[in-house]
Amino acid sequence: MINSIRLTVLYICFALIATLFNILAQQISTYIYDGSFYIIYAMLIGTFLGLVIKYILDKTFIFQYKTRNLQHNTRLFILYLIAGILTTFIFFGAELLFYYLFEDKEMRYVGGIIGLMIGYICKYYLDKKFVFKV
């Protein structure tokens, strides 16, 4: 197990990386599709990309967890996904709240970043207790 300072720094860096990819994916998806419900579509695309990136980084470097095979890895990812449902609602809620309060794309992203930060803190403890069981 890695020491707590290194763990915290790595976790923050990985959260920032996943957040960056999430926001970039949202931005790109709004250029591709700007029809009805484009915000929800963009948020789903960004969330999925961020989730996959964060799963790989967390499993490998934060929890140093080794899966036995593809089936075990798939089950673990599903648990990771389930643990992320609550935190995704936090993220979506913050992003949509900022969008409707300020009616501005940039402020929507500010809300998304705040929601992701709160969500990632909660997600660490959920993952530690229920997913990776460290």
N, C-alpha and C. Protein backbone atom coordinates (compact mmCIF):
# COMPACT_ATOMS: atom_id res chain seq x y z
N MET A 1 0.85 -1.19 0.00
CA MET A 1 0.00 0.00 0.00
C MET A 1 0.88 1.24 0.00
N ILE A 2 0.47 2.25 -0.70
CA ILE A 2 1.26 3.47 -0.76
C ILE A 2 0.88 4.41 0.39
N ASN A 3 1.82 5.28 0.77
CA ASN A 3 1.54 6.16 1.91
C ASN A 3 0.43 7.16 1.57
N SER A 4 -0.16 7.73 2.62
CA SER A 4 -1.37 8.54 2.44
C SER A 4 -1.14 9.83 1.66
N ILE A 5 0.02 10.46 1.80
CA ILE A 5 0.28 11.69 1.05
C ILE A 5 0.40 11.38 -0.44
N ARG A 6 1.16 10.36 -0.77
CA ARG A 6 1.31 9.96 -2.17
C ARG A 6 -0.04 9.52 -2.74
N LEU A 7 -0.80 8.78 -1.95
CA LEU A 7 -2.12 8.33 -2.38
C LEU A 7 -3.02 9.53 -2.68
N THR A 8 -3.02 10.51 -1.81
CA THR A 8 -3.85 11.70 -1.99
C THR A 8 -3.44 12.47 -3.24
N VAL A 9 -2.15 12.66 -3.43
CA VAL A 9 -1.66 13.38 -4.61
C VAL A 9 -2.03 12.63 -5.89
N LEU A 10 -1.81 11.32 -5.90
CA LEU A 10 -2.17 10.53 -7.08
C LEU A 10 -3.67 10.60 -7.35
N TYR A 11 -4.47 10.46 -6.29
CA TYR A 11 -5.92 10.46 -6.47
C TYR A 11 -6.39 11.80 -7.04
N ILE A 12 -5.84 12.89 -6.53
CA ILE A 12 -6.20 14.22 -7.04
C ILE A 12 -5.78 14.35 -8.50
N CYS A 13 -4.58 13.92 -8.83
CA CYS A 13 -4.11 13.98 -10.23
C CYS A 13 -5.01 13.16 -11.14
N PHE A 14 -5.36 11.95 -10.71
CA PHE A 14 -6.21 11.09 -11.53
C PHE A 14 -7.62 11.68 -11.67
N ALA A 15 -8.13 12.29 -10.59
CA ALA A 15 -9.44 12.94 -10.66
C ALA A 15 -9.39 14.10 -11.65
N LEU A 16 -8.30 14.85 -11.64
CA LEU A 16 -8.14 15.96 -12.59
C LEU A 16 -8.06 15.46 -14.03
N ILE A 17 -7.33 14.37 -14.23
CA ILE A 17 -7.22 13.78 -15.57
C ILE A 17 -8.59 13.33 -16.06
N ALA A 18 -9.32 12.60 -15.22
CA ALA A 18 -10.65 12.12 -15.60
C ALA A 18 -11.60 13.29 -15.83
N THR A 19 -11.50 14.32 -15.00
CA THR A 19 -12.34 15.51 -15.17
C THR A 19 -12.04 16.20 -16.49
N LEU A 20 -10.78 16.34 -16.81
CA LEU A 20 -10.38 16.96 -18.08
C LEU A 20 -10.96 16.19 -19.27
N PHE A 21 -10.82 14.87 -19.24
CA PHE A 21 -11.36 14.06 -20.34
C PHE A 21 -12.88 14.15 -20.38
N ASN A 22 -13.52 14.18 -19.22
CA ASN A 22 -14.97 14.31 -19.15
C ASN A 22 -15.42 15.61 -19.82
N ILE A 23 -14.83 16.72 -19.42
CA ILE A 23 -15.22 18.03 -19.96
C ILE A 23 -14.89 18.13 -21.46
N LEU A 24 -13.72 17.63 -21.86
CA LEU A 24 -13.36 17.64 -23.28
C LEU A 24 -14.33 16.80 -24.11
N ALA A 25 -14.69 15.63 -23.60
CA ALA A 25 -15.64 14.77 -24.31
C ALA A 25 -17.00 15.46 -24.43
N GLN A 26 -17.40 16.16 -23.38
CA GLN A 26 -18.66 16.91 -23.46
C GLN A 26 -18.58 17.99 -24.53
N GLN A 27 -17.48 18.72 -24.53
CA GLN A 27 -17.31 19.80 -25.51
C GLN A 27 -17.34 19.26 -26.93
N ILE A 28 -16.61 18.18 -27.16
CA ILE A 28 -16.58 17.58 -28.50
C ILE A 28 -17.96 17.06 -28.90
N SER A 29 -18.64 16.41 -27.96
CA SER A 29 -19.95 15.84 -28.30
C SER A 29 -20.98 16.92 -28.61
N THR A 30 -20.84 18.12 -28.02
CA THR A 30 -21.78 19.20 -28.37
C THR A 30 -21.52 19.75 -29.77
N TYR A 31 -20.30 19.59 -30.28
CA TYR A 31 -20.03 19.97 -31.67
C TYR A 31 -20.61 18.94 -32.63
N ILE A 32 -20.61 17.69 -32.20
CA ILE A 32 -21.13 16.62 -33.06
C ILE A 32 -22.65 16.62 -33.07
N TYR A 33 -23.25 16.83 -31.90
CA TYR A 33 -24.71 16.79 -31.78
C TYR A 33 -25.17 17.97 -30.94
N ASP A 34 -26.06 18.79 -31.50
CA ASP A 34 -26.59 19.93 -30.74
C ASP A 34 -28.11 19.97 -30.78
N GLY A 35 -28.72 18.81 -30.94
CA GLY A 35 -30.18 18.72 -30.99
C GLY A 35 -30.80 18.65 -29.61
N SER A 36 -32.00 18.12 -29.56
CA SER A 36 -32.72 17.98 -28.30
C SER A 36 -31.91 17.17 -27.30
N PHE A 37 -31.93 17.61 -26.07
CA PHE A 37 -31.25 16.93 -24.97
C PHE A 37 -29.74 16.82 -25.18
N TYR A 38 -29.16 17.75 -25.91
CA TYR A 38 -27.72 17.68 -26.17
C TYR A 38 -26.90 17.73 -24.89
N ILE A 39 -27.39 18.42 -23.88
CA ILE A 39 -26.64 18.50 -22.62
C ILE A 39 -26.57 17.13 -21.96
N ILE A 40 -27.69 16.44 -21.91
CA ILE A 40 -27.71 15.10 -21.30
C ILE A 40 -26.81 14.16 -22.09
N TYR A 41 -26.91 14.21 -23.40
CA TYR A 41 -26.07 13.38 -24.27
C TYR A 41 -24.59 13.66 -23.98
N ALA A 42 -24.22 14.93 -23.93
CA ALA A 42 -22.83 15.31 -23.68
C ALA A 42 -22.37 14.83 -22.30
N MET A 43 -23.24 14.98 -21.30
CA MET A 43 -22.88 14.56 -19.95
C MET A 43 -22.69 13.04 -19.87
N LEU A 44 -23.53 12.29 -20.56
CA LEU A 44 -23.39 10.83 -20.56
C LEU A 44 -22.09 10.39 -21.23
N ILE A 45 -21.76 11.00 -22.37
CA ILE A 45 -20.52 10.67 -23.07
C ILE A 45 -19.32 11.00 -22.19
N GLY A 46 -19.31 12.19 -21.62
CA GLY A 46 -18.21 12.60 -20.75
C GLY A 46 -18.08 11.72 -19.52
N THR A 47 -19.22 11.39 -18.93
CA THR A 47 -19.21 10.54 -17.73
C THR A 47 -18.63 9.17 -18.05
N PHE A 48 -19.05 8.58 -19.16
CA PHE A 48 -18.55 7.25 -19.51
C PHE A 48 -17.04 7.26 -19.74
N LEU A 49 -16.56 8.23 -20.50
CA LEU A 49 -15.12 8.30 -20.76
C LEU A 49 -14.35 8.52 -19.46
N GLY A 50 -14.80 9.46 -18.65
CA GLY A 50 -14.14 9.72 -17.37
C GLY A 50 -14.15 8.50 -16.47
N LEU A 51 -15.26 7.77 -16.48
CA LEU A 51 -15.40 6.57 -15.64
C LEU A 51 -14.39 5.50 -16.04
N VAL A 52 -14.27 5.24 -17.32
CA VAL A 52 -13.34 4.21 -17.79
C VAL A 52 -11.90 4.59 -17.45
N ILE A 53 -11.54 5.83 -17.71
CA ILE A 53 -10.18 6.29 -17.40
C ILE A 53 -9.91 6.20 -15.91
N LYS A 54 -10.85 6.66 -15.10
CA LYS A 54 -10.67 6.67 -13.64
C LYS A 54 -10.61 5.24 -13.10
N TYR A 55 -11.39 4.34 -13.65
CA TYR A 55 -11.37 2.94 -13.22
C TYR A 55 -9.98 2.34 -13.42
N ILE A 56 -9.43 2.53 -14.60
CA ILE A 56 -8.11 1.97 -14.91
C ILE A 56 -7.05 2.55 -13.98
N LEU A 57 -7.08 3.86 -13.79
CA LEU A 57 -6.09 4.51 -12.92
C LEU A 57 -6.25 4.11 -11.46
N ASP A 58 -7.50 4.10 -10.98
CA ASP A 58 -7.74 3.73 -9.57
C ASP A 58 -7.34 2.28 -9.30
N LYS A 59 -7.78 1.40 -10.17
CA LYS A 59 -7.49 -0.03 -9.98
C LYS A 59 -5.99 -0.27 -9.97
N THR A 60 -5.29 0.35 -10.90
CA THR A 60 -3.87 0.10 -11.07
C THR A 60 -3.00 0.80 -10.04
N PHE A 61 -3.26 2.07 -9.80
CA PHE A 61 -2.33 2.86 -8.99
C PHE A 61 -2.82 3.21 -7.58
N ILE A 62 -4.12 3.40 -7.40
CA ILE A 62 -4.62 3.77 -6.08
C ILE A 62 -4.81 2.54 -5.21
N PHE A 63 -5.54 1.57 -5.72
CA PHE A 63 -5.83 0.37 -4.94
C PHE A 63 -4.88 -0.78 -5.25
N GLN A 64 -4.08 -0.63 -6.29
CA GLN A 64 -3.12 -1.65 -6.72
C GLN A 64 -3.77 -3.04 -6.74
N TYR A 65 -4.90 -3.09 -7.40
CA TYR A 65 -5.74 -4.28 -7.43
C TYR A 65 -5.48 -5.06 -8.72
N LYS A 66 -5.27 -6.32 -8.59
CA LYS A 66 -5.03 -7.19 -9.75
C LYS A 66 -6.25 -8.10 -9.95
N THR A 67 -6.80 -8.06 -11.14
CA THR A 67 -7.91 -8.97 -11.43
C THR A 67 -7.34 -10.28 -11.97
N ARG A 68 -8.09 -11.35 -11.75
CA ARG A 68 -7.63 -12.68 -12.14
C ARG A 68 -7.78 -12.94 -13.64
N ASN A 69 -8.86 -12.42 -14.21
CA ASN A 69 -9.13 -12.67 -15.62
C ASN A 69 -10.15 -11.63 -16.11
N LEU A 70 -10.54 -11.73 -17.36
CA LEU A 70 -11.47 -10.77 -17.95
C LEU A 70 -12.82 -10.78 -17.23
N GLN A 71 -13.30 -11.95 -16.87
CA GLN A 71 -14.59 -12.05 -16.18
C GLN A 71 -14.52 -11.34 -14.82
N HIS A 72 -13.45 -11.55 -14.08
CA HIS A 72 -13.26 -10.89 -12.79
C HIS A 72 -13.16 -9.38 -12.98
N ASN A 73 -12.43 -8.95 -13.99
CA ASN A 73 -12.29 -7.52 -14.28
C ASN A 73 -13.65 -6.90 -14.64
N THR A 74 -14.44 -7.63 -15.42
CA THR A 74 -15.76 -7.14 -15.81
C THR A 74 -16.66 -7.00 -14.59
N ARG A 75 -16.66 -7.99 -13.70
CA ARG A 75 -17.46 -7.91 -12.47
C ARG A 75 -17.01 -6.72 -11.62
N LEU A 76 -15.72 -6.54 -11.51
CA LEU A 76 -15.18 -5.43 -10.73
C LEU A 76 -15.60 -4.09 -11.34
N PHE A 77 -15.54 -3.99 -12.66
CA PHE A 77 -15.95 -2.75 -13.32
C PHE A 77 -17.44 -2.47 -13.09
N ILE A 78 -18.25 -3.51 -13.10
CA ILE A 78 -19.69 -3.34 -12.84
C ILE A 78 -19.91 -2.83 -11.42
N LEU A 79 -19.18 -3.37 -10.45
CA LEU A 79 -19.26 -2.86 -9.07
C LEU A 79 -18.83 -1.40 -9.02
N TYR A 80 -17.76 -1.08 -9.72
CA TYR A 80 -17.25 0.29 -9.79
C TYR A 80 -18.32 1.21 -10.39
N LEU A 81 -18.97 0.74 -11.42
CA LEU A 81 -20.03 1.50 -12.07
C LEU A 81 -21.21 1.72 -11.13
N ILE A 82 -21.62 0.68 -10.41
CA ILE A 82 -22.73 0.80 -9.46
C ILE A 82 -22.38 1.80 -8.36
N ALA A 83 -21.16 1.71 -7.84
CA ALA A 83 -20.73 2.64 -6.80
C ALA A 83 -20.72 4.07 -7.32
N GLY A 84 -20.56 4.23 -8.62
CA GLY A 84 -20.52 5.56 -9.21
C GLY A 84 -21.88 6.17 -9.51
N ILE A 85 -22.95 5.41 -9.34
CA ILE A 85 -24.27 5.95 -9.66
C ILE A 85 -24.61 7.15 -8.77
N LEU A 86 -24.42 7.01 -7.47
CA LEU A 86 -24.71 8.11 -6.55
C LEU A 86 -23.85 9.32 -6.88
N THR A 87 -22.57 9.08 -7.10
CA THR A 87 -21.67 10.21 -7.37
C THR A 87 -21.97 10.85 -8.72
N THR A 88 -22.49 10.08 -9.66
CA THR A 88 -22.89 10.64 -10.94
C THR A 88 -24.08 11.57 -10.77
N PHE A 89 -25.01 11.22 -9.89
CA PHE A 89 -26.13 12.12 -9.61
C PHE A 89 -25.65 13.43 -9.00
N ILE A 90 -24.64 13.36 -8.15
CA ILE A 90 -24.06 14.58 -7.57
C ILE A 90 -23.49 15.45 -8.70
N PHE A 91 -22.72 14.83 -9.57
CA PHE A 91 -22.10 15.54 -10.70
C PHE A 91 -23.17 16.13 -11.62
N PHE A 92 -24.12 15.29 -12.07
CA PHE A 92 -25.17 15.77 -12.96
C PHE A 92 -25.96 16.90 -12.30
N GLY A 93 -26.30 16.72 -11.02
CA GLY A 93 -27.08 17.74 -10.31
C GLY A 93 -26.37 19.08 -10.27
N ALA A 94 -25.09 19.05 -9.95
CA ALA A 94 -24.32 20.30 -9.87
C ALA A 94 -24.19 20.95 -11.24
N GLU A 95 -23.91 20.16 -12.26
CA GLU A 95 -23.74 20.73 -13.60
C GLU A 95 -25.05 21.32 -14.11
N LEU A 96 -26.13 20.59 -13.95
CA LEU A 96 -27.42 21.11 -14.42
C LEU A 96 -27.89 22.30 -13.59
N LEU A 97 -27.65 22.27 -12.29
CA LEU A 97 -28.00 23.40 -11.43
C LEU A 97 -27.30 24.68 -11.91
N PHE A 98 -26.02 24.58 -12.16
CA PHE A 98 -25.27 25.75 -12.63
C PHE A 98 -25.76 26.19 -14.01
N TYR A 99 -26.10 25.24 -14.86
CA TYR A 99 -26.59 25.59 -16.19
C TYR A 99 -27.90 26.38 -16.10
N TYR A 100 -28.82 25.89 -15.28
CA TYR A 100 -30.11 26.56 -15.18
C TYR A 100 -30.05 27.85 -14.36
N LEU A 101 -29.15 27.92 -13.39
CA LEU A 101 -29.00 29.16 -12.61
C LEU A 101 -28.36 30.28 -13.42
N PHE A 102 -27.32 29.93 -14.18
CA PHE A 102 -26.54 30.96 -14.88
C PHE A 102 -26.81 31.03 -16.38
N GLU A 103 -27.46 30.00 -16.93
CA GLU A 103 -27.77 29.93 -18.36
C GLU A 103 -26.55 30.23 -19.22
N ASP A 104 -25.45 29.57 -18.87
CA ASP A 104 -24.17 29.83 -19.53
C ASP A 104 -23.38 28.53 -19.61
N LYS A 105 -22.83 28.25 -20.79
CA LYS A 105 -22.09 27.00 -20.99
C LYS A 105 -20.88 26.90 -20.07
N GLU A 106 -20.13 27.97 -19.94
CA GLU A 106 -18.93 27.94 -19.09
C GLU A 106 -19.29 27.67 -17.63
N MET A 107 -20.38 28.30 -17.16
CA MET A 107 -20.80 28.07 -15.78
C MET A 107 -21.33 26.65 -15.60
N ARG A 108 -21.90 26.09 -16.66
CA ARG A 108 -22.31 24.68 -16.60
C ARG A 108 -21.10 23.81 -16.32
N TYR A 109 -19.98 24.10 -16.99
CA TYR A 109 -18.76 23.33 -16.77
C TYR A 109 -18.20 23.56 -15.37
N VAL A 110 -18.32 24.78 -14.85
CA VAL A 110 -17.88 25.05 -13.48
C VAL A 110 -18.69 24.18 -12.51
N GLY A 111 -19.99 24.13 -12.71
CA GLY A 111 -20.84 23.27 -11.89
C GLY A 111 -20.45 21.81 -12.02
N GLY A 112 -20.13 21.40 -13.25
CA GLY A 112 -19.69 20.02 -13.48
C GLY A 112 -18.40 19.71 -12.75
N ILE A 113 -17.47 20.62 -12.78
CA ILE A 113 -16.19 20.41 -12.10
C ILE A 113 -16.39 20.32 -10.59
N ILE A 114 -17.23 21.21 -10.04
CA ILE A 114 -17.52 21.15 -8.60
C ILE A 114 -18.20 19.83 -8.25
N GLY A 115 -19.18 19.44 -9.06
CA GLY A 115 -19.86 18.17 -8.83
C GLY A 115 -18.92 16.98 -8.92
N LEU A 116 -18.00 17.01 -9.87
CA LEU A 116 -17.03 15.93 -10.01
C LEU A 116 -16.10 15.87 -8.80
N MET A 117 -15.67 17.03 -8.30
CA MET A 117 -14.78 17.03 -7.14
C MET A 117 -15.48 16.42 -5.92
N ILE A 118 -16.71 16.83 -5.67
CA ILE A 118 -17.46 16.26 -4.54
C ILE A 118 -17.68 14.77 -4.78
N GLY A 119 -18.06 14.43 -6.00
CA GLY A 119 -18.32 13.03 -6.34
C GLY A 119 -17.10 12.15 -6.19
N TYR A 120 -15.93 12.64 -6.60
CA TYR A 120 -14.72 11.83 -6.50
C TYR A 120 -14.32 11.57 -5.05
N ILE A 121 -14.55 12.53 -4.18
CA ILE A 121 -14.26 12.30 -2.76
C ILE A 121 -15.16 11.19 -2.22
N CYS A 122 -16.44 11.28 -2.52
CA CYS A 122 -17.37 10.23 -2.08
C CYS A 122 -17.02 8.89 -2.72
N LYS A 123 -16.65 8.93 -4.00
CA LYS A 123 -16.36 7.69 -4.75
C LYS A 123 -15.17 6.94 -4.17
N TYR A 124 -14.17 7.66 -3.71
CA TYR A 124 -13.01 6.99 -3.12
C TYR A 124 -13.44 6.09 -1.96
N TYR A 125 -14.25 6.62 -1.07
CA TYR A 125 -14.67 5.85 0.10
C TYR A 125 -15.60 4.70 -0.28
N LEU A 126 -16.47 4.92 -1.25
CA LEU A 126 -17.32 3.83 -1.73
C LEU A 126 -16.48 2.72 -2.37
N ASP A 127 -15.52 3.11 -3.19
CA ASP A 127 -14.66 2.12 -3.84
C ASP A 127 -13.84 1.35 -2.83
N LYS A 128 -13.31 2.04 -1.86
CA LYS A 128 -12.47 1.40 -0.84
C LYS A 128 -13.28 0.38 -0.04
N LYS A 129 -14.51 0.74 0.29
CA LYS A 129 -15.33 -0.13 1.14
C LYS A 129 -16.02 -1.25 0.36
N PHE A 130 -16.53 -0.95 -0.84
CA PHE A 130 -17.37 -1.92 -1.53
C PHE A 130 -16.78 -2.53 -2.80
N VAL A 131 -15.90 -1.83 -3.48
CA VAL A 131 -15.40 -2.34 -4.76
C VAL A 131 -14.07 -3.06 -4.59
N PHE A 132 -13.07 -2.34 -4.12
CA PHE A 132 -11.73 -2.92 -4.01
C PHE A 132 -11.48 -3.52 -2.63
N LYS A 133 -12.32 -3.24 -1.67
CA LYS A 133 -12.29 -3.82 -0.32
C LYS A 133 -10.90 -3.84 0.29
N VAL A 134 -10.29 -2.67 0.31
CA VAL A 134 -8.95 -2.53 0.89
C VAL A 134 -9.07 -2.26 2.37
